[in-house]
Amino acid sequence: MEVICEKAGRLDSVLSDALGVPRNQIEKLIKSVGVEVDGVVTHKNSLKLMGGESIVYTYVEAKASQGVYEVSFDVPILYEDDHLLVVNKPPFLTVHGAPSVKEATLVDWLHVKGITLSTLSGEERHGIVHRIDKETSGALVVAKSNAAHSALAMQLESKSMGRYYLAIIDVPLKENMVVELPIGRNPNHRLKMAITKEGRGAKSAFCKLATSKDGKKELIAIKLFTGRTHQIRVHLSALSRHILGDSLYGFKSQNGTIPRVMLHAYEVYLTHPYTHMPLSVHAPLLEDFETTLAHLFSKEDYDEKIKPNCIRHCFDSVDEWVRKDT
């Protein structure tokens, strides 16, 4: 496919404007696949264009591959069509590869299943539109084509694609709360994020759902307006609250009774990139989350509240909630 450069500028910026695709996705396309500028292949995002150049690009779909590590697990598919799928990611499964990852990932599983994937996020992240932490379970969207990936990435950027989470926290909230505080890398701990003046803007809303039998813990729903690394955990820390099982931001001593962060991506909503119809997919709670809930809470206190309509309606009046801002 060809684009004619209409004005001077950087290659990545010119192509992003011409295709209506977020610049970070174009950067990945140029770096991983390359484009032709007046017949010469380049991988340089910052290449200066004067105007009038011919830019030829190709969306190359990912090929199925066995990968480096053996895949001995399965992942529930909640929704699938020719353009995307939504899975219910189990806890302890890493989404995509990295130098520190020494085990099979969700991307490896997708390759083994023979699912055609987008390549916009680079080789190790084929198909991955957004990610959730290793210990977090729940709904995750995977793009099957670069066109679908581009459309979904734009929805993430415009915030028309969003997620609702469920979490069990160590101390009940005093009231429903909106936290809008910037998040950046923790200067004192390379694995943690923190509230920093130089961080990127982040906004979360927290809704009270049910209190535990001993009155000391709480089931809450969370709506994300942005998608920063560890956003929910960092914003809860700003409220002096922590998710059960979170040894990184919470308490290290829990006697091994809660083996992972009790955080579940319950629902994802978006506009389908081809039909342009609203699509909402909810991910049923996995066994370990259900077991912890049943142990700490009375079933009648939470059962009717963990339903898609109930979770969505929690946030109908979010603009009126108490705010913790910069």
C-alpha atoms as a PDB file:
ATOM      1  CA  MET A   1       0.000   0.000   0.000  1.00  0.00           C
ATOM      2  CA  GLU A   2       1.265   3.461  -0.882  1.00  0.00           C
ATOM      3  CA  VAL A   3       1.016   6.885   0.730  1.00  0.00           C
ATOM      4  CA  ILE A   4       2.304  10.114  -0.817  1.00  0.00           C
ATOM      5  CA  CYS A   5       3.915  12.470   1.702  1.00  0.00           C
ATOM      6  CA  GLU A   6       1.943  15.728   1.563  1.00  0.00           C
ATOM      7  CA  LYS A   7       4.134  17.829   3.861  1.00  0.00           C
ATOM      8  CA  ALA A   8       7.583  17.789   5.419  1.00  0.00           C
ATOM      9  CA  GLY A   9       8.112  15.968   8.702  1.00  0.00           C
ATOM     10  CA  ARG A  10       9.360  12.815  10.414  1.00  0.00           C
ATOM     11  CA  LEU A  11       8.492   9.534   8.707  1.00  0.00           C
ATOM     12  CA  ASP A  12       6.613   8.108  11.696  1.00  0.00           C
ATOM     13  CA  SER A  13       4.599  11.311  12.178  1.00  0.00           C
ATOM     14  CA  VAL A  14       3.737  11.637   8.482  1.00  0.00           C
ATOM     15  CA  LEU A  15       2.616   8.010   8.194  1.00  0.00           C
ATOM     16  CA  SER A  16       0.644   8.183  11.462  1.00  0.00           C
ATOM     17  CA  ASP A  17      -1.287  11.232  10.222  1.00  0.00           C
ATOM     18  CA  ALA A  18      -1.886   9.723   6.778  1.00  0.00           C
ATOM     19  CA  LEU A  19      -3.222   6.395   8.085  1.00  0.00           C
ATOM     20  CA  GLY A  20      -4.977   7.654  11.214  1.00  0.00           C
ATOM     21  CA  VAL A  21      -2.996   5.159  13.309  1.00  0.00           C
ATOM     22  CA  PRO A  22      -1.430   5.994  16.707  1.00  0.00           C
ATOM     23  CA  ARG A  23       2.201   7.011  16.307  1.00  0.00           C
ATOM     24  CA  ASN A  24       3.539   4.377  18.699  1.00  0.00           C
ATOM     25  CA  GLN A  25       2.035   1.661  16.493  1.00  0.00           C
ATOM     26  CA  ILE A  26       3.578   3.192  13.382  1.00  0.00           C
ATOM     27  CA  GLU A  27       6.950   3.322  15.171  1.00  0.00           C
ATOM     28  CA  LYS A  28       6.716  -0.417  15.822  1.00  0.00           C
ATOM     29  CA  LEU A  29       5.734  -1.103  12.199  1.00  0.00           C
ATOM     30  CA  ILE A  30       8.704   0.861  10.821  1.00  0.00           C
ATOM     31  CA  LYS A  31      11.157  -0.668  13.290  1.00  0.00           C
ATOM     32  CA  SER A  32      10.042  -4.298  12.989  1.00  0.00           C
ATOM     33  CA  VAL A  33       8.837  -4.546   9.368  1.00  0.00           C
ATOM     34  CA  GLY A  34      10.256  -1.471   7.644  1.00  0.00           C
ATOM     35  CA  VAL A  35       8.767   0.742   4.920  1.00  0.00           C
ATOM     36  CA  GLU A  36       9.962   1.907   1.531  1.00  0.00           C
ATOM     37  CA  VAL A  37      10.609   5.603   0.940  1.00  0.00           C
ATOM     38  CA  ASP A  38      11.079   6.298  -2.761  1.00  0.00           C
ATOM     39  CA  GLY A  39      12.026   2.660  -3.263  1.00  0.00           C
ATOM     40  CA  VAL A  40      14.542   2.426  -0.413  1.00  0.00           C
ATOM     41  CA  VAL A  41      13.665   0.320   2.652  1.00  0.00           C
ATOM     42  CA  THR A  42      14.170   2.097   5.980  1.00  0.00           C
ATOM     43  CA  HIS A  43      13.666   1.212   9.649  1.00  0.00           C
ATOM     44  CA  LYS A  44      14.371   4.766  10.829  1.00  0.00           C
ATOM     45  CA  ASN A  45      11.346   6.430  12.459  1.00  0.00           C
ATOM     46  CA  SER A  46      12.983   9.851  12.528  1.00  0.00           C
ATOM     47  CA  LEU A  47      13.805   9.936   8.802  1.00  0.00           C
ATOM     48  CA  LYS A  48      13.168  13.499   7.572  1.00  0.00           C
ATOM     49  CA  LEU A  49      10.763  13.834   4.635  1.00  0.00           C
ATOM     50  CA  MET A  50      10.563  16.972   2.492  1.00  0.00           C
ATOM     51  CA  GLY A  51       7.166  16.280   0.893  1.00  0.00           C
ATOM     52  CA  GLY A  52       6.257  14.414  -2.268  1.00  0.00           C
ATOM     53  CA  GLU A  53       7.974  11.138  -1.310  1.00  0.00           C
ATOM     54  CA  SER A  54       6.304   7.798  -1.999  1.00  0.00           C
ATOM     55  CA  ILE A  55       5.916   5.688   1.167  1.00  0.00           C
ATOM     56  CA  VAL A  56       5.104   2.002   0.613  1.00  0.00           C
ATOM     57  CA  TYR A  57       4.189  -0.097   3.636  1.00  0.00           C
ATOM     58  CA  THR A  58       3.069  -3.692   4.120  1.00  0.00           C
ATOM     59  CA  TYR A  59       1.169  -5.212   7.009  1.00  0.00           C
ATOM     60  CA  VAL A  60       2.783  -8.628   7.499  1.00  0.00           C
ATOM     61  CA  GLU A  61       0.710 -10.971   9.632  1.00  0.00           C
ATOM     62  CA  ALA A  62       2.389 -13.112  12.259  1.00  0.00           C
ATOM     63  CA  LYS A  63       2.978 -16.759  11.421  1.00  0.00           C
ATOM     64  CA  ALA A  64       2.228 -19.640  13.741  1.00  0.00           C
ATOM     65  CA  SER A  65       5.322 -20.775  15.625  1.00  0.00           C
ATOM     66  CA  GLN A  66       6.082 -23.363  18.272  1.00  0.00           C
ATOM     67  CA  GLY A  67       8.171 -20.861  20.227  1.00  0.00           C
ATOM     68  CA  VAL A  68      11.070 -21.500  22.587  1.00  0.00           C
ATOM     69  CA  TYR A  69       9.131 -23.006  25.507  1.00  0.00           C
ATOM     70  CA  GLU A  70       6.699 -25.903  25.592  1.00  0.00           C
ATOM     71  CA  VAL A  71       3.057 -24.890  25.995  1.00  0.00           C
ATOM     72  CA  SER A  72       1.353 -27.263  28.446  1.00  0.00           C
ATOM     73  CA  PHE A  73      -1.699 -25.179  29.346  1.00  0.00           C
ATOM     74  CA  ASP A  74      -4.895 -23.925  27.783  1.00  0.00           C
ATOM     75  CA  VAL A  75      -6.594 -20.545  27.986  1.00  0.00           C
ATOM     76  CA  PRO A  76     -10.382 -20.037  27.905  1.00  0.00           C
ATOM     77  CA  ILE A  77     -11.580 -18.102  24.845  1.00  0.00           C
ATOM     78  CA  LEU A  78     -14.516 -15.857  25.735  1.00  0.00           C
ATOM     79  CA  TYR A  79     -15.146 -14.353  22.280  1.00  0.00           C
ATOM     80  CA  GLU A  80     -13.672 -14.900  18.818  1.00  0.00           C
ATOM     81  CA  ASP A  81     -14.313 -13.825  15.240  1.00  0.00           C
ATOM     82  CA  ASP A  82     -12.158 -13.213  12.163  1.00  0.00           C
ATOM     83  CA  HIS A  83     -10.735  -9.969  13.561  1.00  0.00           C
ATOM     84  CA  LEU A  84     -10.148 -10.381  17.293  1.00  0.00           C
ATOM     85  CA  LEU A  85     -10.547 -12.616  20.278  1.00  0.00           C
ATOM     86  CA  VAL A  86     -10.946 -12.089  24.010  1.00  0.00           C
ATOM     87  CA  VAL A  87      -9.443 -14.593  26.438  1.00  0.00           C
ATOM     88  CA  ASN A  88      -9.810 -15.144  30.175  1.00  0.00           C
ATOM     89  CA  LYS A  89      -6.128 -15.036  31.137  1.00  0.00           C
ATOM     90  CA  PRO A  90      -5.282 -17.307  34.066  1.00  0.00           C
ATOM     91  CA  PRO A  91      -3.081 -15.983  36.890  1.00  0.00           C
ATOM     92  CA  PHE A  92       0.676 -16.650  36.722  1.00  0.00           C
ATOM     93  CA  LEU A  93       0.660 -16.536  32.916  1.00  0.00           C
ATOM     94  CA  THR A  94       2.888 -13.854  31.389  1.00  0.00           C
ATOM     95  CA  VAL A  95       1.289 -12.131  28.406  1.00  0.00           C
ATOM     96  CA  HIS A  96       4.344 -11.789  26.162  1.00  0.00           C
ATOM     97  CA  GLY A  97       8.032 -12.595  26.130  1.00  0.00           C
ATOM     98  CA  ALA A  98      10.878 -10.515  27.561  1.00  0.00           C
ATOM     99  CA  PRO A  99      14.537 -11.233  28.376  1.00  0.00           C
ATOM    100  CA  SER A 100      13.569 -12.080  31.965  1.00  0.00           C
ATOM    101  CA  VAL A 101      10.752 -14.476  30.980  1.00  0.00           C
ATOM    102  CA  LYS A 102      11.869 -18.123  31.028  1.00  0.00           C
ATOM    103  CA  GLU A 103       8.544 -19.851  30.413  1.00  0.00           C
ATOM    104  CA  ALA A 104       5.790 -20.105  27.816  1.00  0.00           C
ATOM    105  CA  THR A 105       3.626 -16.996  27.458  1.00  0.00           C
ATOM    106  CA  LEU A 106       0.138 -16.212  26.215  1.00  0.00           C
ATOM    107  CA  VAL A 107       1.666 -15.221  22.857  1.00  0.00           C
ATOM    108  CA  ASP A 108       3.341 -18.661  22.677  1.00  0.00           C
ATOM    109  CA  TRP A 109      -0.044 -20.290  23.299  1.00  0.00           C
ATOM    110  CA  LEU A 110      -1.647 -18.189  20.563  1.00  0.00           C
ATOM    111  CA  HIS A 111       1.056 -19.255  18.102  1.00  0.00           C
ATOM    112  CA  VAL A 112       0.658 -22.936  19.014  1.00  0.00           C
ATOM    113  CA  LYS A 113      -3.112 -22.655  18.484  1.00  0.00           C
ATOM    114  CA  GLY A 114      -2.370 -21.443  14.953  1.00  0.00           C
ATOM    115  CA  ILE A 115      -4.202 -18.151  15.445  1.00  0.00           C
ATOM    116  CA  THR A 116      -3.231 -15.465  12.927  1.00  0.00           C
ATOM    117  CA  LEU A 117      -2.041 -12.386  14.809  1.00  0.00           C
ATOM    118  CA  SER A 118      -1.183  -8.756  14.180  1.00  0.00           C
ATOM    119  CA  THR A 119       2.476  -7.708  14.081  1.00  0.00           C
ATOM    120  CA  LEU A 120       2.183  -4.026  15.041  1.00  0.00           C
ATOM    121  CA  SER A 121       3.529  -4.555  18.560  1.00  0.00           C
ATOM    122  CA  GLY A 122       6.657  -6.387  17.412  1.00  0.00           C
ATOM    123  CA  GLU A 123       7.628 -10.043  17.289  1.00  0.00           C
ATOM    124  CA  GLU A 124       7.384 -10.835  21.011  1.00  0.00           C
ATOM    125  CA  ARG A 125       4.012  -9.111  21.377  1.00  0.00           C
ATOM    126  CA  HIS A 126       2.147 -10.410  18.329  1.00  0.00           C
ATOM    127  CA  GLY A 127      -1.546  -9.585  18.651  1.00  0.00           C
ATOM    128  CA  ILE A 128      -1.293  -7.924  22.062  1.00  0.00           C
ATOM    129  CA  VAL A 129      -3.382  -4.740  22.152  1.00  0.00           C
ATOM    130  CA  HIS A 130      -3.073  -4.209  25.911  1.00  0.00           C
ATOM    131  CA  ARG A 131      -1.599  -6.255  28.733  1.00  0.00           C
ATOM    132  CA  ILE A 132      -2.400  -7.281  32.289  1.00  0.00           C
ATOM    133  CA  ASP A 133       0.092  -8.264  34.977  1.00  0.00           C
ATOM    134  CA  LYS A 134       1.270 -11.846  35.362  1.00  0.00           C
ATOM    135  CA  GLU A 135      -0.632 -12.494  38.608  1.00  0.00           C
ATOM    136  CA  THR A 136      -3.788 -10.703  37.429  1.00  0.00           C
ATOM    137  CA  SER A 137      -6.490 -12.784  35.766  1.00  0.00           C
ATOM    138  CA  GLY A 138      -9.278 -11.870  33.388  1.00  0.00           C
ATOM    139  CA  ALA A 139     -10.334 -10.412  30.052  1.00  0.00           C
ATOM    140  CA  LEU A 140      -7.625  -9.565  27.538  1.00  0.00           C
ATOM    141  CA  VAL A 141      -8.137  -8.539  23.903  1.00  0.00           C
ATOM    142  CA  VAL A 142      -5.989  -9.982  21.104  1.00  0.00           C
ATOM    143  CA  ALA A 143      -5.961  -8.583  17.550  1.00  0.00           C
ATOM    144  CA  LYS A 144      -5.834 -10.989  14.624  1.00  0.00           C
ATOM    145  CA  SER A 145      -4.882  -8.396  12.020  1.00  0.00           C
ATOM    146  CA  ASN A 146      -2.913  -5.174  11.891  1.00  0.00           C
ATOM    147  CA  ALA A 147      -5.995  -3.266  10.763  1.00  0.00           C
ATOM    148  CA  ALA A 148      -7.946  -4.476  13.809  1.00  0.00           C
ATOM    149  CA  HIS A 149      -4.955  -3.767  16.044  1.00  0.00           C
ATOM    150  CA  SER A 150      -4.689  -0.197  14.752  1.00  0.00           C
ATOM    151  CA  ALA A 151      -8.386   0.461  15.294  1.00  0.00           C
ATOM    152  CA  LEU A 152      -8.311  -0.959  18.836  1.00  0.00           C
ATOM    153  CA  ALA A 153      -5.146   0.977  19.697  1.00  0.00           C
ATOM    154  CA  MET A 154      -6.890   4.187  18.661  1.00  0.00           C
ATOM    155  CA  GLN A 155      -9.824   3.294  20.931  1.00  0.00           C
ATOM    156  CA  LEU A 156      -7.436   2.777  23.843  1.00  0.00           C
ATOM    157  CA  GLU A 157      -5.885   6.155  23.130  1.00  0.00           C
ATOM    158  CA  SER A 158      -9.270   7.890  22.901  1.00  0.00           C
ATOM    159  CA  LYS A 159     -10.499   5.961  25.982  1.00  0.00           C
ATOM    160  CA  SER A 160     -13.531   4.578  24.113  1.00  0.00           C
ATOM    161  CA  MET A 161     -12.183   1.108  24.916  1.00  0.00           C
ATOM    162  CA  GLY A 162     -12.159   0.386  28.626  1.00  0.00           C
ATOM    163  CA  ARG A 163     -12.063  -2.187  31.399  1.00  0.00           C
ATOM    164  CA  TYR A 164     -13.770  -2.974  34.679  1.00  0.00           C
ATOM    165  CA  TYR A 165     -11.879  -4.869  37.390  1.00  0.00           C
ATOM    166  CA  LEU A 166     -12.763  -6.628  40.635  1.00  0.00           C
ATOM    167  CA  ALA A 167     -10.396  -6.662  43.614  1.00  0.00           C
ATOM    168  CA  ILE A 168     -10.377  -7.686  47.252  1.00  0.00           C
ATOM    169  CA  ILE A 169      -8.660  -5.085  49.425  1.00  0.00           C
ATOM    170  CA  ASP A 170      -7.312  -5.171  52.983  1.00  0.00           C
ATOM    171  CA  VAL A 171      -9.243  -2.181  54.388  1.00  0.00           C
ATOM    172  CA  PRO A 172     -12.701  -1.003  53.269  1.00  0.00           C
ATOM    173  CA  LEU A 173     -12.933   2.319  51.445  1.00  0.00           C
ATOM    174  CA  LYS A 174     -14.663   5.110  53.337  1.00  0.00           C
ATOM    175  CA  GLU A 175     -16.651   5.963  50.210  1.00  0.00           C
ATOM    176  CA  ASN A 176     -16.605   5.604  46.427  1.00  0.00           C
ATOM    177  CA  MET A 177     -13.552   7.422  45.159  1.00  0.00           C
ATOM    178  CA  VAL A 178     -11.890   8.745  41.996  1.00  0.00           C
ATOM    179  CA  VAL A 179      -8.099   8.937  42.007  1.00  0.00           C
ATOM    180  CA  GLU A 180      -6.370  11.052  39.376  1.00  0.00           C
ATOM    181  CA  LEU A 181      -2.644  11.050  40.131  1.00  0.00           C
ATOM    182  CA  PRO A 182       0.332  10.736  37.728  1.00  0.00           C
ATOM    183  CA  ILE A 183       2.279   7.473  37.716  1.00  0.00           C
ATOM    184  CA  GLY A 184       5.949   6.978  36.890  1.00  0.00           C
ATOM    185  CA  ARG A 185       8.797   4.603  37.681  1.00  0.00           C
ATOM    186  CA  ASN A 186       9.670   4.382  41.384  1.00  0.00           C
ATOM    187  CA  PRO A 187      13.163   5.920  41.661  1.00  0.00           C
ATOM    188  CA  ASN A 188      14.027   3.677  44.615  1.00  0.00           C
ATOM    189  CA  HIS A 189      12.688   0.317  43.356  1.00  0.00           C
ATOM    190  CA  ARG A 190      13.049  -0.729  39.716  1.00  0.00           C
ATOM    191  CA  LEU A 191      10.128  -3.192  39.873  1.00  0.00           C
ATOM    192  CA  LYS A 192       7.637  -0.685  41.292  1.00  0.00           C
ATOM    193  CA  MET A 193       5.730   2.323  40.030  1.00  0.00           C
ATOM    194  CA  ALA A 194       4.862   5.350  42.140  1.00  0.00           C
ATOM    195  CA  ILE A 195       2.997   8.656  42.222  1.00  0.00           C
ATOM    196  CA  THR A 196       5.491  11.106  40.717  1.00  0.00           C
ATOM    197  CA  LYS A 197       5.221  14.676  39.456  1.00  0.00           C
ATOM    198  CA  GLU A 198       7.000  13.641  36.256  1.00  0.00           C
ATOM    199  CA  GLY A 199       4.718  10.628  35.711  1.00  0.00           C
ATOM    200  CA  ARG A 200       2.041  10.138  33.072  1.00  0.00           C
ATOM    201  CA  GLY A 201      -1.550  11.098  33.883  1.00  0.00           C
ATOM    202  CA  ALA A 202      -3.623   8.275  35.344  1.00  0.00           C
ATOM    203  CA  LYS A 203      -7.259   8.054  36.449  1.00  0.00           C
ATOM    204  CA  SER A 204      -9.099   5.273  38.309  1.00  0.00           C
ATOM    205  CA  ALA A 205     -12.520   5.015  39.947  1.00  0.00           C
ATOM    206  CA  PHE A 206     -13.143   2.692  42.909  1.00  0.00           C
ATOM    207  CA  CYS A 207     -16.635   1.477  43.887  1.00  0.00           C
ATOM    208  CA  LYS A 208     -17.581  -0.329  47.102  1.00  0.00           C
ATOM    209  CA  LEU A 209     -19.405  -3.655  46.530  1.00  0.00           C
ATOM    210  CA  ALA A 210     -19.346  -5.854  49.652  1.00  0.00           C
ATOM    211  CA  THR A 211     -17.707  -6.030  53.089  1.00  0.00           C
ATOM    212  CA  SER A 212     -16.169  -9.246  54.413  1.00  0.00           C
ATOM    213  CA  LYS A 213     -17.696 -11.260  57.228  1.00  0.00           C
ATOM    214  CA  ASP A 214     -15.205  -9.829  59.739  1.00  0.00           C
ATOM    215  CA  GLY A 215     -15.716  -6.284  58.434  1.00  0.00           C
ATOM    216  CA  LYS A 216     -12.003  -5.839  57.745  1.00  0.00           C
ATOM    217  CA  LYS A 217     -11.828  -6.446  53.987  1.00  0.00           C
ATOM    218  CA  GLU A 218     -13.824  -5.330  50.990  1.00  0.00           C
ATOM    219  CA  LEU A 219     -14.731  -6.390  47.470  1.00  0.00           C
ATOM    220  CA  ILE A 220     -14.529  -3.416  45.134  1.00  0.00           C
ATOM    221  CA  ALA A 221     -15.046  -2.687  41.438  1.00  0.00           C
ATOM    222  CA  ILE A 222     -12.612  -0.509  39.506  1.00  0.00           C
ATOM    223  CA  LYS A 223     -13.023   1.415  36.287  1.00  0.00           C
ATOM    224  CA  LEU A 224      -9.842   2.393  34.463  1.00  0.00           C
ATOM    225  CA  PHE A 225      -9.802   5.580  32.419  1.00  0.00           C
ATOM    226  CA  THR A 226      -6.114   5.116  31.561  1.00  0.00           C
ATOM    227  CA  GLY A 227      -3.837   2.077  31.412  1.00  0.00           C
ATOM    228  CA  ARG A 228      -0.589   2.745  33.259  1.00  0.00           C
ATOM    229  CA  THR A 229       1.592  -0.056  34.597  1.00  0.00           C
ATOM    230  CA  HIS A 230       0.366  -1.196  38.050  1.00  0.00           C
ATOM    231  CA  GLN A 231      -2.177   1.655  37.975  1.00  0.00           C
ATOM    232  CA  ILE A 232      -4.782   0.096  40.258  1.00  0.00           C
ATOM    233  CA  ARG A 233      -2.215  -1.012  42.820  1.00  0.00           C
ATOM    234  CA  VAL A 234      -0.443   2.362  42.893  1.00  0.00           C
ATOM    235  CA  HIS A 235      -3.673   4.362  43.162  1.00  0.00           C
ATOM    236  CA  LEU A 236      -4.938   2.130  45.972  1.00  0.00           C
ATOM    237  CA  SER A 237      -1.629   2.653  47.785  1.00  0.00           C
ATOM    238  CA  ALA A 238      -2.306   6.398  47.577  1.00  0.00           C
ATOM    239  CA  LEU A 239      -5.500   5.668  49.547  1.00  0.00           C
ATOM    240  CA  SER A 240      -3.562   3.507  52.065  1.00  0.00           C
ATOM    241  CA  ARG A 241      -5.301   0.432  50.706  1.00  0.00           C
ATOM    242  CA  HIS A 242      -3.791  -2.715  49.177  1.00  0.00           C
ATOM    243  CA  ILE A 243      -5.028  -5.737  47.247  1.00  0.00           C
ATOM    244  CA  LEU A 244      -4.867  -9.045  49.093  1.00  0.00           C
ATOM    245  CA  GLY A 245      -1.918 -11.127  47.933  1.00  0.00           C
ATOM    246  CA  ASP A 246       0.018  -8.093  46.689  1.00  0.00           C
ATOM    247  CA  SER A 247       3.459  -8.534  48.239  1.00  0.00           C
ATOM    248  CA  LEU A 248       4.993  -5.820  46.025  1.00  0.00           C
ATOM    249  CA  TYR A 249       2.758  -2.934  47.121  1.00  0.00           C
ATOM    250  CA  GLY A 250       1.024  -4.492  50.112  1.00  0.00           C
ATOM    251  CA  PHE A 251       2.149  -6.760  52.931  1.00  0.00           C
ATOM    252  CA  LYS A 252       4.773  -9.454  52.568  1.00  0.00           C
ATOM    253  CA  SER A 253       3.464 -11.555  55.461  1.00  0.00           C
ATOM    254  CA  GLN A 254       0.251 -13.393  54.575  1.00  0.00           C
ATOM    255  CA  ASN A 255       1.311 -16.913  55.600  1.00  0.00           C
ATOM    256  CA  GLY A 256       0.987 -18.173  52.025  1.00  0.00           C
ATOM    257  CA  THR A 257      -2.795 -18.330  52.273  1.00  0.00           C
ATOM    258  CA  ILE A 258      -3.315 -15.971  49.310  1.00  0.00           C
ATOM    259  CA  PRO A 259      -0.810 -16.934  46.603  1.00  0.00           C
ATOM    260  CA  ARG A 260      -1.462 -14.136  44.116  1.00  0.00           C
ATOM    261  CA  VAL A 261      -2.865 -10.643  43.723  1.00  0.00           C
ATOM    262  CA  MET A 262      -6.655 -10.790  44.088  1.00  0.00           C
ATOM    263  CA  LEU A 263      -7.288  -8.669  40.994  1.00  0.00           C
ATOM    264  CA  HIS A 264      -9.475  -9.776  38.080  1.00  0.00           C
ATOM    265  CA  ALA A 265     -10.196  -7.979  34.791  1.00  0.00           C
ATOM    266  CA  TYR A 266     -13.931  -8.660  34.839  1.00  0.00           C
ATOM    267  CA  GLU A 267     -15.084  -6.945  31.657  1.00  0.00           C
ATOM    268  CA  VAL A 268     -13.704  -5.230  28.569  1.00  0.00           C
ATOM    269  CA  TYR A 269     -15.809  -2.999  26.321  1.00  0.00           C
ATOM    270  CA  LEU A 270     -14.996  -1.621  22.878  1.00  0.00           C
ATOM    271  CA  THR A 271     -16.373  -0.824  19.446  1.00  0.00           C
ATOM    272  CA  HIS A 272     -15.827  -3.702  17.049  1.00  0.00           C
ATOM    273  CA  PRO A 273     -13.211  -2.576  14.496  1.00  0.00           C
ATOM    274  CA  TYR A 274     -15.199  -3.940  11.521  1.00  0.00           C
ATOM    275  CA  THR A 275     -18.889  -3.998  12.445  1.00  0.00           C
ATOM    276  CA  HIS A 276     -18.546  -0.746  14.466  1.00  0.00           C
ATOM    277  CA  MET A 277     -21.038  -2.185  16.944  1.00  0.00           C
ATOM    278  CA  PRO A 278     -20.509  -2.034  20.728  1.00  0.00           C
ATOM    279  CA  LEU A 279     -18.935  -5.182  22.119  1.00  0.00           C
ATOM    280  CA  SER A 280     -18.694  -6.060  25.817  1.00  0.00           C
ATOM    281  CA  VAL A 281     -17.166  -9.310  27.052  1.00  0.00           C
ATOM    282  CA  HIS A 282     -17.062 -10.349  30.688  1.00  0.00           C
ATOM    283  CA  ALA A 283     -14.672 -12.901  32.161  1.00  0.00           C
ATOM    284  CA  PRO A 284     -16.094 -15.237  34.828  1.00  0.00           C
ATOM    285  CA  LEU A 285     -14.112 -15.390  38.056  1.00  0.00           C
ATOM    286  CA  LEU A 286     -11.498 -18.115  38.164  1.00  0.00           C
ATOM    287  CA  GLU A 287     -11.452 -20.782  40.865  1.00  0.00           C
ATOM    288  CA  ASP A 288      -8.850 -19.243  43.159  1.00  0.00           C
ATOM    289  CA  PHE A 289     -10.617 -15.870  43.227  1.00  0.00           C
ATOM    290  CA  GLU A 290     -13.982 -17.578  43.868  1.00  0.00           C
ATOM    291  CA  THR A 291     -12.455 -19.620  46.707  1.00  0.00           C
ATOM    292  CA  THR A 292     -11.022 -16.541  48.411  1.00  0.00           C
ATOM    293  CA  LEU A 293     -14.327 -14.703  48.070  1.00  0.00           C
ATOM    294  CA  ALA A 294     -16.301 -17.604  49.524  1.00  0.00           C
ATOM    295  CA  HIS A 295     -13.893 -17.877  52.460  1.00  0.00           C
ATOM    296  CA  LEU A 296     -13.971 -14.185  53.388  1.00  0.00           C
ATOM    297  CA  PHE A 297     -17.475 -13.046  52.373  1.00  0.00           C
ATOM    298  CA  SER A 298     -21.052 -14.240  52.668  1.00  0.00           C
ATOM    299  CA  LYS A 299     -22.226 -15.358  49.252  1.00  0.00           C
ATOM    300  CA  GLU A 300     -25.496 -13.453  49.548  1.00  0.00           C
ATOM    301  CA  ASP A 301     -23.499 -10.236  50.083  1.00  0.00           C
ATOM    302  CA  TYR A 302     -21.631 -10.416  46.773  1.00  0.00           C
ATOM    303  CA  ASP A 303     -23.348 -12.879  44.460  1.00  0.00           C
ATOM    304  CA  GLU A 304     -25.890 -10.488  42.943  1.00  0.00           C
ATOM    305  CA  LYS A 305     -23.352  -7.681  42.685  1.00  0.00           C
ATOM    306  CA  ILE A 306     -20.905  -9.587  40.469  1.00  0.00           C
ATOM    307  CA  LYS A 307     -22.918  -9.214  37.291  1.00  0.00           C
ATOM    308  CA  PRO A 308     -22.035  -7.091  34.228  1.00  0.00           C
ATOM    309  CA  ASN A 309     -24.986  -4.693  34.512  1.00  0.00           C
ATOM    310  CA  CYS A 310     -24.445  -4.185  38.229  1.00  0.00           C
ATOM    311  CA  ILE A 311     -20.730  -3.475  37.782  1.00  0.00           C
ATOM    312  CA  ARG A 312     -21.371  -0.972  34.971  1.00  0.00           C
ATOM    313  CA  HIS A 313     -24.115   0.828  36.914  1.00  0.00           C
ATOM    314  CA  CYS A 314     -21.726   1.278  39.846  1.00  0.00           C
ATOM    315  CA  PHE A 315     -20.056   4.035  37.872  1.00  0.00           C
ATOM    316  CA  ASP A 316     -23.123   5.892  36.567  1.00  0.00           C
ATOM    317  CA  SER A 317     -22.580   8.774  39.013  1.00  0.00           C
ATOM    318  CA  VAL A 318     -18.772   8.721  39.039  1.00  0.00           C
ATOM    319  CA  ASP A 319     -18.580  12.459  38.260  1.00  0.00           C
ATOM    320  CA  GLU A 320     -20.147  13.163  41.666  1.00  0.00           C
ATOM    321  CA  TRP A 321     -17.717  11.021  43.674  1.00  0.00           C
ATOM    322  CA  VAL A 322     -15.038  12.231  46.070  1.00  0.00           C
ATOM    323  CA  ARG A 323     -11.784  12.907  44.247  1.00  0.00           C
ATOM    324  CA  LYS A 324      -8.118  12.549  45.136  1.00  0.00           C
ATOM    325  CA  ASP A 325      -6.319  14.722  42.590  1.00  0.00           C
ATOM    326  CA  THR A 326      -2.921  16.237  41.979  1.00  0.00           C
END
